[in-house]
């Protein structure tokens, strides 16, 4: 059995707060999307700096995007995915109750 780290324990404690849990759940899809883009970038051997140069921004902007600290704009997502040769689409569906 995997031993829980301090981060895991802290996260578990925070998730007991309804407001925090809602915010965490709302960002779930963003984290997944960003993780997929970061994985692809790394697999292609492209650095954050190289990606930033391709889209005319700073490396720090790519770093902030990859930390998924906030919802990226559709325009920024398009710039990044175009620079990496990726396509993306939204899927909207009703949540099951």
PDB file of N, CA and C in Angstrom:
ATOM      1  N   UNK A   1       0.832  -1.170   0.000  1.00  0.00           N
ATOM      2  CA  UNK A   1       0.000   0.000   0.000  1.00  0.00           C
ATOM      3  C   UNK A   1       0.884   1.243   0.000  1.00  0.00           C
ATOM      4  N   UNK A   2       0.520   2.216  -0.854  1.00  0.00           N
ATOM      5  CA  UNK A   2       1.288   3.448  -0.960  1.00  0.00           C
ATOM      6  C   UNK A   2       1.090   4.304   0.289  1.00  0.00           C
ATOM      7  N   UNK A   3       2.209   4.758   0.844  1.00  0.00           N
ATOM      8  CA  UNK A   3       2.140   5.615   2.024  1.00  0.00           C
ATOM      9  C   UNK A   3       1.738   7.023   1.593  1.00  0.00           C
ATOM     10  N   UNK A   4       0.829   7.621   2.341  1.00  0.00           N
ATOM     11  CA  UNK A   4       0.375   8.975   2.026  1.00  0.00           C
ATOM     12  C   UNK A   4       1.455   9.980   2.393  1.00  0.00           C
ATOM     13  N   UNK A   5       1.659  10.945   1.495  1.00  0.00           N
ATOM     14  CA  UNK A   5       2.610  12.017   1.760  1.00  0.00           C
ATOM     15  C   UNK A   5       1.896  13.164   2.466  1.00  0.00           C
ATOM     16  N   UNK A   6       2.678  14.118   2.936  1.00  0.00           N
ATOM     17  CA  UNK A   6       2.085  15.308   3.549  1.00  0.00           C
ATOM     18  C   UNK A   6       1.173  16.029   2.565  1.00  0.00           C
ATOM     19  N   UNK A   7       1.559  16.045   1.288  1.00  0.00           N
ATOM     20  CA  UNK A   7       0.732  16.693   0.262  1.00  0.00           C
ATOM     21  C   UNK A   7      -0.604  15.970   0.139  1.00  0.00           C
ATOM     22  N   UNK A   8      -0.563  14.635   0.099  1.00  0.00           N
ATOM     23  CA  UNK A   8      -1.802  13.851   0.002  1.00  0.00           C
ATOM     24  C   UNK A   8      -2.714  14.118   1.194  1.00  0.00           C
ATOM     25  N   UNK A   9      -2.129  14.156   2.372  1.00  0.00           N
ATOM     26  CA  UNK A   9      -2.917  14.392   3.581  1.00  0.00           C
ATOM     27  C   UNK A   9      -3.508  15.797   3.590  1.00  0.00           C
ATOM     28  N   UNK A  10      -2.718  16.763   3.159  1.00  0.00           N
ATOM     29  CA  UNK A  10      -3.204  18.145   3.107  1.00  0.00           C
ATOM     30  C   UNK A  10      -4.334  18.271   2.076  1.00  0.00           C
ATOM     31  N   UNK A  11      -4.156  17.641   0.930  1.00  0.00           N
ATOM     32  CA  UNK A  11      -5.192  17.673  -0.114  1.00  0.00           C
ATOM     33  C   UNK A  11      -6.484  17.054   0.411  1.00  0.00           C
ATOM     34  N   UNK A  12      -6.366  15.930   1.085  1.00  0.00           N
ATOM     35  CA  UNK A  12      -7.547  15.264   1.641  1.00  0.00           C
ATOM     36  C   UNK A  12      -8.276  16.189   2.614  1.00  0.00           C
ATOM     37  N   UNK A  13      -7.508  16.884   3.437  1.00  0.00           N
ATOM     38  CA  UNK A  13      -8.101  17.820   4.398  1.00  0.00           C
ATOM     39  C   UNK A  13      -8.800  18.966   3.665  1.00  0.00           C
ATOM     40  N   UNK A  14      -8.154  19.520   2.660  1.00  0.00           N
ATOM     41  CA  UNK A  14      -8.741  20.626   1.904  1.00  0.00           C
ATOM     42  C   UNK A  14     -10.015  20.217   1.176  1.00  0.00           C
ATOM     43  N   UNK A  15     -10.040  18.988   0.661  1.00  0.00           N
ATOM     44  CA  UNK A  15     -11.209  18.524  -0.091  1.00  0.00           C
ATOM     45  C   UNK A  15     -12.445  18.354   0.787  1.00  0.00           C
ATOM     46  N   UNK A  16     -12.266  18.383   2.092  1.00  0.00           N
ATOM     47  CA  UNK A  16     -13.424  18.324   2.992  1.00  0.00           C
ATOM     48  C   UNK A  16     -14.181  19.649   3.008  1.00  0.00           C
ATOM     49  N   UNK A  17     -13.522  20.723   2.572  1.00  0.00           N
ATOM     50  CA  UNK A  17     -14.157  22.036   2.479  1.00  0.00           C
ATOM     51  C   UNK A  17     -14.945  22.092   1.171  1.00  0.00           C
ATOM     52  N   UNK A  18     -16.254  22.310   1.258  1.00  0.00           N
ATOM     53  CA  UNK A  18     -17.137  22.270   0.083  1.00  0.00           C
ATOM     54  C   UNK A  18     -16.728  23.275  -0.989  1.00  0.00           C
ATOM     55  N   UNK A  19     -16.361  24.473  -0.582  1.00  0.00           N
ATOM     56  CA  UNK A  19     -15.978  25.505  -1.554  1.00  0.00           C
ATOM     57  C   UNK A  19     -14.694  25.115  -2.285  1.00  0.00           C
ATOM     58  N   UNK A  20     -13.709  24.616  -1.535  1.00  0.00           N
ATOM     59  CA  UNK A  20     -12.462  24.176  -2.150  1.00  0.00           C
ATOM     60  C   UNK A  20     -12.720  23.001  -3.087  1.00  0.00           C
ATOM     61  N   UNK A  21     -13.521  22.034  -2.644  1.00  0.00           N
ATOM     62  CA  UNK A  21     -13.813  20.856  -3.464  1.00  0.00           C
ATOM     63  C   UNK A  21     -14.474  21.255  -4.772  1.00  0.00           C
ATOM     64  N   UNK A  22     -15.402  22.208  -4.727  1.00  0.00           N
ATOM     65  CA  UNK A  22     -16.069  22.659  -5.948  1.00  0.00           C
ATOM     66  C   UNK A  22     -15.064  23.281  -6.914  1.00  0.00           C
ATOM     67  N   UNK A  23     -14.188  24.135  -6.405  1.00  0.00           N
ATOM     68  CA  UNK A  23     -13.171  24.765  -7.246  1.00  0.00           C
ATOM     69  C   UNK A  23     -12.227  23.714  -7.820  1.00  0.00           C
ATOM     70  N   UNK A  24     -11.846  22.743  -7.004  1.00  0.00           N
ATOM     71  CA  UNK A  24     -10.964  21.659  -7.438  1.00  0.00           C
ATOM     72  C   UNK A  24     -11.626  20.847  -8.552  1.00  0.00           C
ATOM     73  N   UNK A  25     -12.892  20.501  -8.361  1.00  0.00           N
ATOM     74  CA  UNK A  25     -13.629  19.731  -9.364  1.00  0.00           C
ATOM     75  C   UNK A  25     -13.808  20.520 -10.655  1.00  0.00           C
ATOM     76  N   UNK A  26     -14.051  21.821 -10.531  1.00  0.00           N
ATOM     77  CA  UNK A  26     -14.235  22.659 -11.716  1.00  0.00           C
ATOM     78  C   UNK A  26     -12.979  22.725 -12.572  1.00  0.00           C
ATOM     79  N   UNK A  27     -11.810  22.667 -11.944  1.00  0.00           N
ATOM     80  CA  UNK A  27     -10.553  22.746 -12.686  1.00  0.00           C
ATOM     81  C   UNK A  27     -10.073  21.394 -13.201  1.00  0.00           C
ATOM     82  N   UNK A  28     -10.737  20.319 -12.844  1.00  0.00           N
ATOM     83  CA  UNK A  28     -10.322  18.984 -13.274  1.00  0.00           C
ATOM     84  C   UNK A  28     -10.073  18.856 -14.765  1.00  0.00           C
ATOM     85  N   UNK A  29     -11.020  19.282 -15.609  1.00  0.00           N
ATOM     86  CA  UNK A  29     -10.804  19.181 -17.055  1.00  0.00           C
ATOM     87  C   UNK A  29      -9.620  20.017 -17.538  1.00  0.00           C
ATOM     88  N   UNK A  30      -9.387  21.154 -16.906  1.00  0.00           N
ATOM     89  CA  UNK A  30      -8.253  21.998 -17.290  1.00  0.00           C
ATOM     90  C   UNK A  30      -6.949  21.266 -17.004  1.00  0.00           C
ATOM     91  N   UNK A  31      -6.840  20.666 -15.811  1.00  0.00           N
ATOM     92  CA  UNK A  31      -5.636  19.910 -15.469  1.00  0.00           C
ATOM     93  C   UNK A  31      -5.391  18.782 -16.467  1.00  0.00           C
ATOM     94  N   UNK A  32      -6.440  18.087 -16.850  1.00  0.00           N
ATOM     95  CA  UNK A  32      -6.294  16.975 -17.797  1.00  0.00           C
ATOM     96  C   UNK A  32      -5.792  17.484 -19.144  1.00  0.00           C
ATOM     97  N   UNK A  33      -6.387  18.548 -19.641  1.00  0.00           N
ATOM     98  CA  UNK A  33      -5.978  19.114 -20.924  1.00  0.00           C
ATOM     99  C   UNK A  33      -4.527  19.576 -20.878  1.00  0.00           C
ATOM    100  N   UNK A  34      -4.173  20.303 -19.849  1.00  0.00           N
ATOM    101  CA  UNK A  34      -2.806  20.808 -19.724  1.00  0.00           C
ATOM    102  C   UNK A  34      -1.817  19.653 -19.619  1.00  0.00           C
ATOM    103  N   UNK A  35      -2.153  18.630 -18.825  1.00  0.00           N
ATOM    104  CA  UNK A  35      -1.277  17.454 -18.692  1.00  0.00           C
ATOM    105  C   UNK A  35      -1.020  16.809 -20.053  1.00  0.00           C
ATOM    106  N   UNK A  36      -2.060  16.680 -20.867  1.00  0.00           N
ATOM    107  CA  UNK A  36      -1.898  16.062 -22.186  1.00  0.00           C
ATOM    108  C   UNK A  36      -0.987  16.902 -23.078  1.00  0.00           C
ATOM    109  N   UNK A  37      -1.157  18.216 -23.041  1.00  0.00           N
ATOM    110  CA  UNK A  37      -0.323  19.100 -23.861  1.00  0.00           C
ATOM    111  C   UNK A  37       1.127  19.061 -23.391  1.00  0.00           C
ATOM    112  N   UNK A  38       1.347  19.106 -22.085  1.00  0.00           N
ATOM    113  CA  UNK A  38       2.713  19.061 -21.541  1.00  0.00           C
ATOM    114  C   UNK A  38       3.383  17.737 -21.906  1.00  0.00           C
ATOM    115  N   UNK A  39       2.661  16.647 -21.754  1.00  0.00           N
ATOM    116  CA  UNK A  39       3.212  15.330 -22.101  1.00  0.00           C
ATOM    117  C   UNK A  39       3.625  15.294 -23.564  1.00  0.00           C
ATOM    118  N   UNK A  40       2.774  15.807 -24.446  1.00  0.00           N
ATOM    119  CA  UNK A  40       3.101  15.828 -25.875  1.00  0.00           C
ATOM    120  C   UNK A  40       4.335  16.687 -26.128  1.00  0.00           C
ATOM    121  N   UNK A  41       4.388  17.875 -25.516  1.00  0.00           N
ATOM    122  CA  UNK A  41       5.536  18.769 -25.712  1.00  0.00           C
ATOM    123  C   UNK A  41       6.834  18.086 -25.304  1.00  0.00           C
ATOM    124  N   UNK A  42       6.813  17.454 -24.147  1.00  0.00           N
ATOM    125  CA  UNK A  42       8.011  16.779 -23.643  1.00  0.00           C
ATOM    126  C   UNK A  42       8.384  15.598 -24.535  1.00  0.00           C
ATOM    127  N   UNK A  43       7.397  14.806 -24.936  1.00  0.00           N
ATOM    128  CA  UNK A  43       7.655  13.662 -25.819  1.00  0.00           C
ATOM    129  C   UNK A  43       8.278  14.093 -27.145  1.00  0.00           C
ATOM    130  N   UNK A  44       7.937  15.294 -27.604  1.00  0.00           N
ATOM    131  CA  UNK A  44       8.486  15.808 -28.860  1.00  0.00           C
ATOM    132  C   UNK A  44       9.846  16.483 -28.678  1.00  0.00           C
ATOM    133  N   UNK A  45      10.295  16.569 -27.429  1.00  0.00           N
ATOM    134  CA  UNK A  45      11.596  17.168 -27.146  1.00  0.00           C
ATOM    135  C   UNK A  45      11.618  18.683 -27.302  1.00  0.00           C
ATOM    136  N   UNK A  46      10.462  19.311 -27.150  1.00  0.00           N
ATOM    137  CA  UNK A  46      10.356  20.765 -27.281  1.00  0.00           C
ATOM    138  C   UNK A  46      10.399  21.385 -25.884  1.00  0.00           C
ATOM    139  N   UNK A  47      11.259  22.361 -25.704  1.00  0.00           N
ATOM    140  CA  UNK A  47      11.359  23.026 -24.403  1.00  0.00           C
ATOM    141  C   UNK A  47      10.281  24.101 -24.284  1.00  0.00           C
ATOM    142  N   UNK A  48      10.068  24.542 -23.059  1.00  0.00           N
ATOM    143  CA  UNK A  48       9.128  25.647 -22.840  1.00  0.00           C
ATOM    144  C   UNK A  48       9.594  26.885 -23.603  1.00  0.00           C
ATOM    145  N   UNK A  49      10.884  27.133 -23.598  1.00  0.00           N
ATOM    146  CA  UNK A  49      11.431  28.306 -24.288  1.00  0.00           C
ATOM    147  C   UNK A  49      11.183  28.214 -25.790  1.00  0.00           C
ATOM    148  N   UNK A  50      11.405  27.041 -26.371  1.00  0.00           N
ATOM    149  CA  UNK A  50      11.176  26.867 -27.809  1.00  0.00           C
ATOM    150  C   UNK A  50       9.706  27.074 -28.156  1.00  0.00           C
ATOM    151  N   UNK A  51       8.818  26.529 -27.334  1.00  0.00           N
ATOM    152  CA  UNK A  51       7.386  26.701 -27.570  1.00  0.00           C
ATOM    153  C   UNK A  51       7.009  28.173 -27.454  1.00  0.00           C
ATOM    154  N   UNK A  52       7.547  28.841 -26.451  1.00  0.00           N
ATOM    155  CA  UNK A  52       7.265  30.270 -26.267  1.00  0.00           C
ATOM    156  C   UNK A  52       7.703  31.073 -27.488  1.00  0.00           C
ATOM    157  N   UNK A  53       8.881  30.763 -28.015  1.00  0.00           N
ATOM    158  CA  UNK A  53       9.376  31.471 -29.200  1.00  0.00           C
ATOM    159  C   UNK A  53       8.469  31.235 -30.404  1.00  0.00           C
ATOM    160  N   UNK A  54       7.950  30.017 -30.534  1.00  0.00           N
ATOM    161  CA  UNK A  54       7.065  29.698 -31.662  1.00  0.00           C
ATOM    162  C   UNK A  54       5.785  30.521 -31.647  1.00  0.00           C
ATOM    163  N   UNK A  55       5.303  30.859 -30.447  1.00  0.00           N
ATOM    164  CA  UNK A  55       4.035  31.593 -30.377  1.00  0.00           C
ATOM    165  C   UNK A  55       4.222  33.055 -29.978  1.00  0.00           C
ATOM    166  N   UNK A  56       5.475  33.489 -29.863  1.00  0.00           N
ATOM    167  CA  UNK A  56       5.752  34.891 -29.588  1.00  0.00           C
ATOM    168  C   UNK A  56       5.421  35.338 -28.180  1.00  0.00           C
ATOM    169  N   UNK A  57       5.726  34.485 -27.219  1.00  0.00           N
ATOM    170  CA  UNK A  57       5.495  34.847 -25.819  1.00  0.00           C
ATOM    171  C   UNK A  57       6.739  34.510 -25.012  1.00  0.00           C
ATOM    172  N   UNK A  58       6.674  34.699 -23.724  1.00  0.00           N
ATOM    173  CA  UNK A  58       7.801  34.401 -22.841  1.00  0.00           C
ATOM    174  C   UNK A  58       7.689  32.978 -22.293  1.00  0.00           C
ATOM    175  N   UNK A  59       8.828  32.409 -21.947  1.00  0.00           N
ATOM    176  CA  UNK A  59       8.867  31.073 -21.350  1.00  0.00           C
ATOM    177  C   UNK A  59       8.049  31.047 -20.072  1.00  0.00           C
ATOM    178  N   UNK A  60       8.042  32.149 -19.327  1.00  0.00           N
ATOM    179  CA  UNK A  60       7.293  32.190 -18.071  1.00  0.00           C
ATOM    180  C   UNK A  60       5.788  32.033 -18.305  1.00  0.00           C
ATOM    181  N   UNK A  61       5.290  32.486 -19.457  1.00  0.00           N
ATOM    182  CA  UNK A  61       3.867  32.304 -19.788  1.00  0.00           C
ATOM    183  C   UNK A  61       3.547  30.832 -20.005  1.00  0.00           C
ATOM    184  N   UNK A  62       4.465  30.130 -20.653  1.00  0.00           N
ATOM    185  CA  UNK A  62       4.277  28.689 -20.868  1.00  0.00           C
ATOM    186  C   UNK A  62       4.329  27.970 -19.525  1.00  0.00           C
ATOM    187  N   UNK A  63       5.255  28.369 -18.673  1.00  0.00           N
ATOM    188  CA  UNK A  63       5.368  27.759 -17.349  1.00  0.00           C
ATOM    189  C   UNK A  63       4.084  27.942 -16.547  1.00  0.00           C
ATOM    190  N   UNK A  64       3.537  29.146 -16.546  1.00  0.00           N
ATOM    191  CA  UNK A  64       2.282  29.396 -15.821  1.00  0.00           C
ATOM    192  C   UNK A  64       1.147  28.556 -16.399  1.00  0.00           C
ATOM    193  N   UNK A  65       1.082  28.462 -17.724  1.00  0.00           N
ATOM    194  CA  UNK A  65       0.066  27.633 -18.370  1.00  0.00           C
ATOM    195  C   UNK A  65       0.204  26.183 -17.917  1.00  0.00           C
ATOM    196  N   UNK A  66       1.435  25.679 -17.895  1.00  0.00           N
ATOM    197  CA  UNK A  66       1.670  24.277 -17.554  1.00  0.00           C
ATOM    198  C   UNK A  66       1.413  23.980 -16.078  1.00  0.00           C
ATOM    199  N   UNK A  67       1.422  24.975 -15.244  1.00  0.00           N
ATOM    200  CA  UNK A  67       1.079  24.781 -13.830  1.00  0.00           C
ATOM    201  C   UNK A  67      -0.430  24.778 -13.631  1.00  0.00           C
ATOM    202  N   UNK A  68      -1.171  25.146 -14.680  1.00  0.00           N
ATOM    203  CA  UNK A  68      -2.646  25.142 -14.664  1.00  0.00           C
ATOM    204  C   UNK A  68      -3.203  25.897 -13.463  1.00  0.00           C
ATOM    205  N   UNK A  69      -2.638  27.053 -13.213  1.00  0.00           N
ATOM    206  CA  UNK A  69      -3.080  27.844 -12.070  1.00  0.00           C
ATOM    207  C   UNK A  69      -4.379  28.592 -12.349  1.00  0.00           C
ATOM    208  N   UNK A  70      -4.697  28.755 -13.623  1.00  0.00           N
ATOM    209  CA  UNK A  70      -5.944  29.417 -13.985  1.00  0.00           C
ATOM    210  C   UNK A  70      -6.414  28.867 -15.322  1.00  0.00           C
ATOM    211  N   UNK A  71      -7.638  29.168 -15.663  1.00  0.00           N
ATOM    212  CA  UNK A  71      -8.213  28.706 -16.918  1.00  0.00           C
ATOM    213  C   UNK A  71      -7.541  29.440 -18.081  1.00  0.00           C
ATOM    214  N   UNK A  72      -6.898  28.707 -19.009  1.00  0.00           N
ATOM    215  CA  UNK A  72      -6.275  29.380 -20.151  1.00  0.00           C
ATOM    216  C   UNK A  72      -7.344  29.875 -21.121  1.00  0.00           C
ATOM    217  N   UNK A  73      -7.030  30.929 -21.849  1.00  0.00           N
ATOM    218  CA  UNK A  73      -7.979  31.428 -22.844  1.00  0.00           C
ATOM    219  C   UNK A  73      -7.993  30.485 -24.046  1.00  0.00           C
ATOM    220  N   UNK A  74      -9.084  30.514 -24.779  1.00  0.00           N
ATOM    221  CA  UNK A  74      -9.187  29.681 -25.983  1.00  0.00           C
ATOM    222  C   UNK A  74      -8.128  30.112 -26.989  1.00  0.00           C
ATOM    223  N   UNK A  75      -7.875  31.402 -27.077  1.00  0.00           N
ATOM    224  CA  UNK A  75      -6.859  31.919 -27.992  1.00  0.00           C
ATOM    225  C   UNK A  75      -5.478  31.362 -27.650  1.00  0.00           C
ATOM    226  N   UNK A  76      -5.128  31.364 -26.367  1.00  0.00           N
ATOM    227  CA  UNK A  76      -3.820  30.852 -25.937  1.00  0.00           C
ATOM    228  C   UNK A  76      -3.717  29.351 -26.193  1.00  0.00           C
ATOM    229  N   UNK A  77      -4.791  28.616 -25.898  1.00  0.00           N
ATOM    230  CA  UNK A  77      -4.807  27.176 -26.190  1.00  0.00           C
ATOM    231  C   UNK A  77      -4.588  26.927 -27.678  1.00  0.00           C
ATOM    232  N   UNK A  78      -5.250  27.715 -28.511  1.00  0.00           N
ATOM    233  CA  UNK A  78      -5.110  27.559 -29.960  1.00  0.00           C
ATOM    234  C   UNK A  78      -3.685  27.823 -30.416  1.00  0.00           C
ATOM    235  N   UNK A  79      -3.064  28.867 -29.868  1.00  0.00           N
ATOM    236  CA  UNK A  79      -1.679  29.171 -30.230  1.00  0.00           C
ATOM    237  C   UNK A  79      -0.753  28.014 -29.869  1.00  0.00           C
ATOM    238  N   UNK A  80      -0.911  27.489 -28.675  1.00  0.00           N
ATOM    239  CA  UNK A  80      -0.048  26.400 -28.215  1.00  0.00           C
ATOM    240  C   UNK A  80      -0.271  25.138 -29.035  1.00  0.00           C
ATOM    241  N   UNK A  81      -1.532  24.760 -29.208  1.00  0.00           N
ATOM    242  CA  UNK A  81      -1.800  23.522 -29.948  1.00  0.00           C
ATOM    243  C   UNK A  81      -1.382  23.650 -31.410  1.00  0.00           C
ATOM    244  N   UNK A  82      -1.588  24.809 -32.016  1.00  0.00           N
ATOM    245  CA  UNK A  82      -1.144  25.010 -33.403  1.00  0.00           C
ATOM    246  C   UNK A  82       0.369  24.892 -33.513  1.00  0.00           C
ATOM    247  N   UNK A  83       1.085  25.495 -32.569  1.00  0.00           N
ATOM    248  CA  UNK A  83       2.548  25.439 -32.585  1.00  0.00           C
ATOM    249  C   UNK A  83       3.067  24.014 -32.415  1.00  0.00           C
ATOM    250  N   UNK A  84       2.304  23.182 -31.704  1.00  0.00           N
ATOM    251  CA  UNK A  84       2.710  21.787 -31.489  1.00  0.00           C
ATOM    252  C   UNK A  84       2.149  20.848 -32.550  1.00  0.00           C
ATOM    253  N   UNK A  85       1.357  21.386 -33.476  1.00  0.00           N
ATOM    254  CA  UNK A  85       0.762  20.550 -34.519  1.00  0.00           C
ATOM    255  C   UNK A  85      -0.370  19.683 -34.003  1.00  0.00           C
ATOM    256  N   UNK A  86      -1.068  20.180 -33.001  1.00  0.00           N
ATOM    257  CA  UNK A  86      -2.175  19.429 -32.402  1.00  0.00           C
ATOM    258  C   UNK A  86      -3.512  20.051 -32.781  1.00  0.00           C
ATOM    259  N   UNK A  87      -4.547  19.236 -32.749  1.00  0.00           N
ATOM    260  CA  UNK A  87      -5.916  19.714 -32.898  1.00  0.00           C
ATOM    261  C   UNK A  87      -6.652  19.387 -31.612  1.00  0.00           C
ATOM    262  N   UNK A  88      -7.681  20.189 -31.296  1.00  0.00           N
ATOM    263  CA  UNK A  88      -8.474  19.936 -30.093  1.00  0.00           C
ATOM    264  C   UNK A  88      -9.900  20.342 -30.359  1.00  0.00           C
ATOM    265  N   UNK A  89     -10.776  19.823 -29.522  1.00  0.00           N
ATOM    266  CA  UNK A  89     -12.192  20.154 -29.639  1.00  0.00           C
ATOM    267  C   UNK A  89     -12.831  20.068 -28.262  1.00  0.00           C
ATOM    268  N   UNK A  90     -13.954  20.752 -28.123  1.00  0.00           N
ATOM    269  CA  UNK A  90     -14.724  20.685 -26.886  1.00  0.00           C
ATOM    270  C   UNK A  90     -15.786  19.614 -27.021  1.00  0.00           C
ATOM    271  N   UNK A  91     -16.050  18.931 -25.952  1.00  0.00           N
ATOM    272  CA  UNK A  91     -17.188  18.023 -25.870  1.00  0.00           C
ATOM    273  C   UNK A  91     -18.042  18.504 -24.713  1.00  0.00           C
ATOM    274  N   UNK A  92     -19.254  18.879 -25.015  1.00  0.00           N
ATOM    275  CA  UNK A  92     -20.162  19.348 -23.980  1.00  0.00           C
ATOM    276  C   UNK A  92     -21.278  18.332 -23.844  1.00  0.00           C
ATOM    277  N   UNK A  93     -21.539  17.943 -22.614  1.00  0.00           N
ATOM    278  CA  UNK A  93     -22.586  16.960 -22.362  1.00  0.00           C
ATOM    279  C   UNK A  93     -23.182  17.210 -20.990  1.00  0.00           C
ATOM    280  N   UNK A  94     -24.365  16.707 -20.808  1.00  0.00           N
ATOM    281  CA  UNK A  94     -25.050  16.881 -19.534  1.00  0.00           C
ATOM    282  C   UNK A  94     -24.484  15.899 -18.520  1.00  0.00           C
ATOM    283  N   UNK A  95     -24.230  16.404 -17.317  1.00  0.00           N
ATOM    284  CA  UNK A  95     -23.722  15.546 -16.248  1.00  0.00           C
ATOM    285  C   UNK A  95     -24.810  14.575 -15.826  1.00  0.00           C
ATOM    286  N   UNK A  96     -24.391  13.369 -15.492  1.00  0.00           N
ATOM    287  CA  UNK A  96     -25.359  12.420 -14.945  1.00  0.00           C
ATOM    288  C   UNK A  96     -25.607  12.783 -13.488  1.00  0.00           C
ATOM    289  N   UNK A  97     -26.821  12.596 -13.048  1.00  0.00           N
ATOM    290  CA  UNK A  97     -27.204  13.018 -11.700  1.00  0.00           C
ATOM    291  C   UNK A  97     -27.114  11.877 -10.720  1.00  0.00           C
TER     292      UNK A  97
END
